[in-house]
Amino acid sequence: MIEIRFHGRGGQGAVTAANILASAAFREGKYVQAFPFFGVERRGAPVTAFTRIDDKPIRIKTQIYEPDVVVVLDPSLLDTVDVTAGLKEGGTVIVNTEKSKEEVLTKLKKKPGKLALVDATGIALEILGVPVTNTAILGAVAKATGIVGLDHVKEAIQETFSGALGEKNARAAEESFNRTVIYEL
C-alpha cells in the first residue's frame, strides 16, 4: 500500500488534490481511499488530506501517520509544521516552492530519500490566473512517484473540473510534470 499525506492551507485544494489522485489511481484499476482531516475549518488554516492506493482492498480507516509520500502545497508550512513527521525511511517529499534543494532541506526535520521541487504556484498563476496549486502539484506527484500516470491524472482532473477550466487544470498538471526537479538523496 502507498500512503500519501497532503499538507496545505484551507482554500488551496489539498482535499481536492487527494480526491483527484485517488480517482486517477482508480482509473488504473487500483483500490483507493481519500479523506481530509480538518482542525479549525477556515480559509488559510493548515489542512491535511490523505490518499491510500493499493492493489488489494483497503480495510484500514485511520489517518496516515507513516506516509510513503508527503506533498506540500504551501511552502510556508515548512516553517510551522513538521511535514516529515512519520515519513517512512526513504520516503518522498514533494514541495511547491521556488527555493533551492538546500533551502528546502534545511526546513525539513527528516531527510527524505527523494525530494521533488516545482513552482506549482507560478504554474497555476501562469495557466489558471489564480494561485490554487492542487492540480499543478499532481503533475509533480505523477512524475516523482510513478504511482499514477500523467494521462490518468489529467483525465481525473477533467472529470472534476468540466470544460475549459478542466482543460486548463490538466495543462497545469502537465506543465508541473515537465518542470518538476527530482533529487535522490
C-alpha atoms as a PDB file:
ATOM      1  CA  MET A   1       0.000   0.000   0.000  1.00  0.00           C
ATOM      2  CA  ILE A   2       1.174   3.532  -0.823  1.00  0.00           C
ATOM      3  CA  GLU A   3       0.140   6.199   1.670  1.00  0.00           C
ATOM      4  CA  ILE A   4       0.258   9.885   0.709  1.00  0.00           C
ATOM      5  CA  ARG A   5      -0.232  12.839   3.049  1.00  0.00           C
ATOM      6  CA  PHE A   6      -1.026  16.284   1.647  1.00  0.00           C
ATOM      7  CA  HIS A   7      -0.252  19.465   3.604  1.00  0.00           C
ATOM      8  CA  GLY A   8      -1.900  22.694   2.521  1.00  0.00           C
ATOM      9  CA  ARG A   9      -3.943  25.610   3.757  1.00  0.00           C
ATOM     10  CA  GLY A  10      -7.692  25.967   3.616  1.00  0.00           C
ATOM     11  CA  GLY A  11      -8.720  27.130   0.153  1.00  0.00           C
ATOM     12  CA  GLN A  12      -5.673  25.728  -1.673  1.00  0.00           C
ATOM     13  CA  GLY A  13      -7.353  22.488  -2.676  1.00  0.00           C
ATOM     14  CA  ALA A  14      -5.421  19.855  -0.692  1.00  0.00           C
ATOM     15  CA  VAL A  15      -8.605  17.830  -0.190  1.00  0.00           C
ATOM     16  CA  THR A  16      -9.475  18.074  -3.880  1.00  0.00           C
ATOM     17  CA  ALA A  17      -5.922  17.027  -4.802  1.00  0.00           C
ATOM     18  CA  ALA A  18      -6.195  13.929  -2.587  1.00  0.00           C
ATOM     19  CA  ASN A  19      -9.517  13.031  -4.223  1.00  0.00           C
ATOM     20  CA  ILE A  20      -8.246  13.585  -7.782  1.00  0.00           C
ATOM     21  CA  LEU A  21      -5.175  11.445  -7.099  1.00  0.00           C
ATOM     22  CA  ALA A  22      -7.435   8.674  -5.801  1.00  0.00           C
ATOM     23  CA  SER A  23      -9.630   8.980  -8.900  1.00  0.00           C
ATOM     24  CA  ALA A  24      -6.569   8.739 -11.167  1.00  0.00           C
ATOM     25  CA  ALA A  25      -5.350   5.603  -9.365  1.00  0.00           C
ATOM     26  CA  PHE A  26      -8.845   4.101  -9.525  1.00  0.00           C
ATOM     27  CA  ARG A  27      -8.733   4.591 -13.310  1.00  0.00           C
ATOM     28  CA  GLU A  28      -5.611   2.414 -13.279  1.00  0.00           C
ATOM     29  CA  GLY A  29      -7.500  -0.397 -11.537  1.00  0.00           C
ATOM     30  CA  LYS A  30      -6.227   0.315  -8.026  1.00  0.00           C
ATOM     31  CA  TYR A  31      -8.134   0.328  -4.764  1.00  0.00           C
ATOM     32  CA  VAL A  32      -8.176   3.789  -3.213  1.00  0.00           C
ATOM     33  CA  GLN A  33      -9.142   5.888  -0.237  1.00  0.00           C
ATOM     34  CA  ALA A  34      -9.070   9.673   0.050  1.00  0.00           C
ATOM     35  CA  PHE A  35     -10.155  11.742   3.030  1.00  0.00           C
ATOM     36  CA  PRO A  36      -9.402  15.033   4.809  1.00  0.00           C
ATOM     37  CA  PHE A  37      -8.515  15.952   8.357  1.00  0.00           C
ATOM     38  CA  PHE A  38      -9.755  19.340   9.462  1.00  0.00           C
ATOM     39  CA  GLY A  39      -8.817  21.195  12.603  1.00  0.00           C
ATOM     40  CA  VAL A  40     -10.055  24.748  12.587  1.00  0.00           C
ATOM     41  CA  GLU A  41     -12.047  24.934   9.383  1.00  0.00           C
ATOM     42  CA  ARG A  42     -11.231  28.313   7.936  1.00  0.00           C
ATOM     43  CA  ARG A  43      -9.517  29.655   4.871  1.00  0.00           C
ATOM     44  CA  GLY A  44      -5.762  29.815   5.383  1.00  0.00           C
ATOM     45  CA  ALA A  45      -5.622  27.346   8.293  1.00  0.00           C
ATOM     46  CA  PRO A  46      -3.427  24.258   7.886  1.00  0.00           C
ATOM     47  CA  VAL A  47      -5.295  21.351   6.302  1.00  0.00           C
ATOM     48  CA  THR A  48      -4.180  17.746   5.962  1.00  0.00           C
ATOM     49  CA  ALA A  49      -5.607  15.309   3.430  1.00  0.00           C
ATOM     50  CA  PHE A  50      -4.758  11.694   2.735  1.00  0.00           C
ATOM     51  CA  THR A  51      -4.786   9.201  -0.137  1.00  0.00           C
ATOM     52  CA  ARG A  52      -4.164   5.464   0.056  1.00  0.00           C
ATOM     53  CA  ILE A  53      -3.538   3.380  -3.065  1.00  0.00           C
ATOM     54  CA  ASP A  54      -3.203  -0.390  -3.187  1.00  0.00           C
ATOM     55  CA  ASP A  55      -3.605  -3.400  -5.473  1.00  0.00           C
ATOM     56  CA  LYS A  56      -5.964  -5.028  -2.982  1.00  0.00           C
ATOM     57  CA  PRO A  57      -8.925  -3.744  -0.935  1.00  0.00           C
ATOM     58  CA  ILE A  58      -8.015  -1.220   1.760  1.00  0.00           C
ATOM     59  CA  ARG A  59      -9.524  -2.051   5.155  1.00  0.00           C
ATOM     60  CA  ILE A  60      -7.682   0.445   7.356  1.00  0.00           C
ATOM     61  CA  LYS A  61      -9.713   3.547   8.284  1.00  0.00           C
ATOM     62  CA  THR A  62      -7.254   5.742  10.212  1.00  0.00           C
ATOM     63  CA  GLN A  63      -5.295   8.846   9.354  1.00  0.00           C
ATOM     64  CA  ILE A  64      -1.922   8.283   7.748  1.00  0.00           C
ATOM     65  CA  TYR A  65       0.767   8.526  10.395  1.00  0.00           C
ATOM     66  CA  GLU A  66       3.664   6.995   8.440  1.00  0.00           C
ATOM     67  CA  PRO A  67       3.359   8.204   4.845  1.00  0.00           C
ATOM     68  CA  ASP A  68       5.417   6.971   1.932  1.00  0.00           C
ATOM     69  CA  VAL A  69       4.921  10.339   0.229  1.00  0.00           C
ATOM     70  CA  VAL A  70       4.369  13.839   1.612  1.00  0.00           C
ATOM     71  CA  VAL A  71       3.039  16.586  -0.665  1.00  0.00           C
ATOM     72  CA  VAL A  72       3.360  20.218   0.459  1.00  0.00           C
ATOM     73  CA  LEU A  73       1.091  22.653  -1.376  1.00  0.00           C
ATOM     74  CA  ASP A  74       2.098  25.716   0.665  1.00  0.00           C
ATOM     75  CA  PRO A  75       5.833  26.201   1.268  1.00  0.00           C
ATOM     76  CA  SER A  76       5.169  28.464   4.287  1.00  0.00           C
ATOM     77  CA  LEU A  77       4.055  25.330   6.145  1.00  0.00           C
ATOM     78  CA  LEU A  78       7.689  24.180   6.182  1.00  0.00           C
ATOM     79  CA  ASP A  79       8.274  26.876   8.831  1.00  0.00           C
ATOM     80  CA  THR A  80       5.356  25.879  11.073  1.00  0.00           C
ATOM     81  CA  VAL A  81       4.516  22.186  10.548  1.00  0.00           C
ATOM     82  CA  ASP A  82       6.758  19.117  10.725  1.00  0.00           C
ATOM     83  CA  VAL A  83       5.634  17.820   7.331  1.00  0.00           C
ATOM     84  CA  THR A  84       8.088  14.914   7.568  1.00  0.00           C
ATOM     85  CA  ALA A  85       6.624  13.585  10.841  1.00  0.00           C
ATOM     86  CA  GLY A  86       6.380   9.809  10.476  1.00  0.00           C
ATOM     87  CA  LEU A  87       7.780   9.798   6.921  1.00  0.00           C
ATOM     88  CA  LYS A  88       8.915   6.274   6.106  1.00  0.00           C
ATOM     89  CA  GLU A  89      12.626   5.684   5.640  1.00  0.00           C
ATOM     90  CA  GLY A  90      13.486   6.515   2.033  1.00  0.00           C
ATOM     91  CA  GLY A  91      10.162   8.331   1.600  1.00  0.00           C
ATOM     92  CA  THR A  92       9.435  11.048  -0.933  1.00  0.00           C
ATOM     93  CA  VAL A  93       8.714  14.715  -0.203  1.00  0.00           C
ATOM     94  CA  ILE A  94       7.201  16.883  -2.940  1.00  0.00           C
ATOM     95  CA  VAL A  95       7.201  20.640  -2.332  1.00  0.00           C
ATOM     96  CA  ASN A  96       5.622  23.546  -4.175  1.00  0.00           C
ATOM     97  CA  THR A  97       8.430  26.083  -3.950  1.00  0.00           C
ATOM     98  CA  GLU A  98      10.779  28.393  -5.804  1.00  0.00           C
ATOM     99  CA  LYS A  99      13.519  27.669  -3.266  1.00  0.00           C
ATOM    100  CA  SER A 100      16.586  25.524  -3.879  1.00  0.00           C
ATOM    101  CA  LYS A 101      17.064  21.960  -2.709  1.00  0.00           C
ATOM    102  CA  GLU A 102      19.450  23.163   0.007  1.00  0.00           C
ATOM    103  CA  GLU A 103      16.997  25.772   1.311  1.00  0.00           C
ATOM    104  CA  VAL A 104      14.161  23.242   1.477  1.00  0.00           C
ATOM    105  CA  LEU A 105      16.298  20.568   3.161  1.00  0.00           C
ATOM    106  CA  THR A 106      17.212  22.984   5.987  1.00  0.00           C
ATOM    107  CA  LYS A 107      13.489  23.309   6.771  1.00  0.00           C
ATOM    108  CA  LEU A 108      12.748  19.562   6.835  1.00  0.00           C
ATOM    109  CA  LYS A 109      13.147  17.822  10.185  1.00  0.00           C
ATOM    110  CA  LYS A 110      13.795  14.459   8.496  1.00  0.00           C
ATOM    111  CA  LYS A 111      15.804  13.898   5.327  1.00  0.00           C
ATOM    112  CA  PRO A 112      13.720  12.151   2.655  1.00  0.00           C
ATOM    113  CA  GLY A 113      15.054   9.558   0.241  1.00  0.00           C
ATOM    114  CA  LYS A 114      13.723  11.624  -2.642  1.00  0.00           C
ATOM    115  CA  LEU A 115      12.903  15.334  -2.847  1.00  0.00           C
ATOM    116  CA  ALA A 116      10.866  16.783  -5.715  1.00  0.00           C
ATOM    117  CA  LEU A 117      10.527  20.529  -6.207  1.00  0.00           C
ATOM    118  CA  VAL A 118       8.273  22.503  -8.521  1.00  0.00           C
ATOM    119  CA  ASP A 119       6.954  26.063  -8.592  1.00  0.00           C
ATOM    120  CA  ALA A 120       3.313  24.967  -8.729  1.00  0.00           C
ATOM    121  CA  THR A 121       2.163  28.437  -7.647  1.00  0.00           C
ATOM    122  CA  GLY A 122       3.939  30.039 -10.601  1.00  0.00           C
ATOM    123  CA  ILE A 123       2.452  27.455 -12.961  1.00  0.00           C
ATOM    124  CA  ALA A 124      -1.040  27.963 -11.523  1.00  0.00           C
ATOM    125  CA  LEU A 125      -0.751  31.741 -11.889  1.00  0.00           C
ATOM    126  CA  GLU A 126       0.593  31.381 -15.426  1.00  0.00           C
ATOM    127  CA  ILE A 127      -2.093  28.962 -16.662  1.00  0.00           C
ATOM    128  CA  LEU A 128      -5.086  29.443 -14.340  1.00  0.00           C
ATOM    129  CA  GLY A 129      -4.591  33.048 -13.278  1.00  0.00           C
ATOM    130  CA  VAL A 130      -5.033  32.121  -9.592  1.00  0.00           C
ATOM    131  CA  PRO A 131      -2.583  30.691  -7.022  1.00  0.00           C
ATOM    132  CA  VAL A 132      -4.530  27.450  -6.462  1.00  0.00           C
ATOM    133  CA  THR A 133      -1.890  24.736  -6.692  1.00  0.00           C
ATOM    134  CA  ASN A 134      -3.818  21.497  -6.217  1.00  0.00           C
ATOM    135  CA  THR A 135      -3.951  20.350  -9.830  1.00  0.00           C
ATOM    136  CA  ALA A 136      -0.483  21.616 -10.703  1.00  0.00           C
ATOM    137  CA  ILE A 137       1.095  19.719  -7.800  1.00  0.00           C
ATOM    138  CA  LEU A 138      -0.490  16.476  -9.047  1.00  0.00           C
ATOM    139  CA  GLY A 139       1.759  16.587 -12.103  1.00  0.00           C
ATOM    140  CA  ALA A 140       4.722  16.619  -9.729  1.00  0.00           C
ATOM    141  CA  VAL A 141       3.243  13.684  -7.793  1.00  0.00           C
ATOM    142  CA  ALA A 142       2.897  11.672 -11.011  1.00  0.00           C
ATOM    143  CA  LYS A 143       6.484  12.419 -12.056  1.00  0.00           C
ATOM    144  CA  ALA A 144       8.168  11.992  -8.669  1.00  0.00           C
ATOM    145  CA  THR A 145       6.417   8.800  -7.610  1.00  0.00           C
ATOM    146  CA  GLY A 146       5.213   6.956 -10.699  1.00  0.00           C
ATOM    147  CA  ILE A 147       2.213   5.916  -8.575  1.00  0.00           C
ATOM    148  CA  VAL A 148      -0.145   7.075 -11.326  1.00  0.00           C
ATOM    149  CA  GLY A 149       0.323   8.051 -14.928  1.00  0.00           C
ATOM    150  CA  LEU A 150       0.004  11.665 -16.041  1.00  0.00           C
ATOM    151  CA  ASP A 151      -2.740  10.759 -18.542  1.00  0.00           C
ATOM    152  CA  HIS A 152      -4.920   9.348 -15.763  1.00  0.00           C
ATOM    153  CA  VAL A 153      -4.233  12.404 -13.599  1.00  0.00           C
ATOM    154  CA  LYS A 154      -5.329  14.674 -16.444  1.00  0.00           C
ATOM    155  CA  GLU A 155      -8.484  12.574 -17.038  1.00  0.00           C
ATOM    156  CA  ALA A 156      -9.386  12.719 -13.344  1.00  0.00           C
ATOM    157  CA  ILE A 157      -8.841  16.486 -13.327  1.00  0.00           C
ATOM    158  CA  GLN A 158     -11.077  16.936 -16.356  1.00  0.00           C
ATOM    159  CA  GLU A 159     -13.741  14.808 -14.690  1.00  0.00           C
ATOM    160  CA  THR A 160     -13.567  17.045 -11.588  1.00  0.00           C
ATOM    161  CA  PHE A 161     -13.493  20.362 -13.470  1.00  0.00           C
ATOM    162  CA  SER A 162     -15.510  20.484 -16.667  1.00  0.00           C
ATOM    163  CA  GLY A 163     -14.933  22.341 -19.912  1.00  0.00           C
ATOM    164  CA  ALA A 164     -12.250  24.971 -20.320  1.00  0.00           C
ATOM    165  CA  LEU A 165     -11.480  25.003 -16.593  1.00  0.00           C
ATOM    166  CA  GLY A 166     -10.755  21.270 -16.700  1.00  0.00           C
ATOM    167  CA  GLU A 167      -8.518  21.693 -19.733  1.00  0.00           C
ATOM    168  CA  LYS A 168      -6.544  24.492 -18.067  1.00  0.00           C
ATOM    169  CA  ASN A 169      -6.116  22.499 -14.855  1.00  0.00           C
ATOM    170  CA  ALA A 170      -4.978  19.440 -16.829  1.00  0.00           C
ATOM    171  CA  ARG A 171      -2.489  21.655 -18.659  1.00  0.00           C
ATOM    172  CA  ALA A 172      -1.218  22.945 -15.285  1.00  0.00           C
ATOM    173  CA  ALA A 173      -0.619  19.343 -14.154  1.00  0.00           C
ATOM    174  CA  GLU A 174       1.238  18.555 -17.369  1.00  0.00           C
ATOM    175  CA  GLU A 175       3.385  21.678 -17.114  1.00  0.00           C
ATOM    176  CA  SER A 176       4.202  20.821 -13.499  1.00  0.00           C
ATOM    177  CA  PHE A 177       5.132  17.274 -14.570  1.00  0.00           C
ATOM    178  CA  ASN A 178       7.552  18.747 -17.112  1.00  0.00           C
ATOM    179  CA  ARG A 179       9.101  21.257 -14.695  1.00  0.00           C
ATOM    180  CA  THR A 180       9.465  19.090 -11.581  1.00  0.00           C
ATOM    181  CA  VAL A 181      13.068  18.578 -10.490  1.00  0.00           C
ATOM    182  CA  ILE A 182      13.778  15.372  -8.581  1.00  0.00           C
ATOM    183  CA  TYR A 183      16.708  14.796  -6.220  1.00  0.00           C
ATOM    184  CA  GLU A 184      17.695  11.341  -4.968  1.00  0.00           C
ATOM    185  CA  LEU A 185      19.192  11.917  -1.521  1.00  0.00           C
END
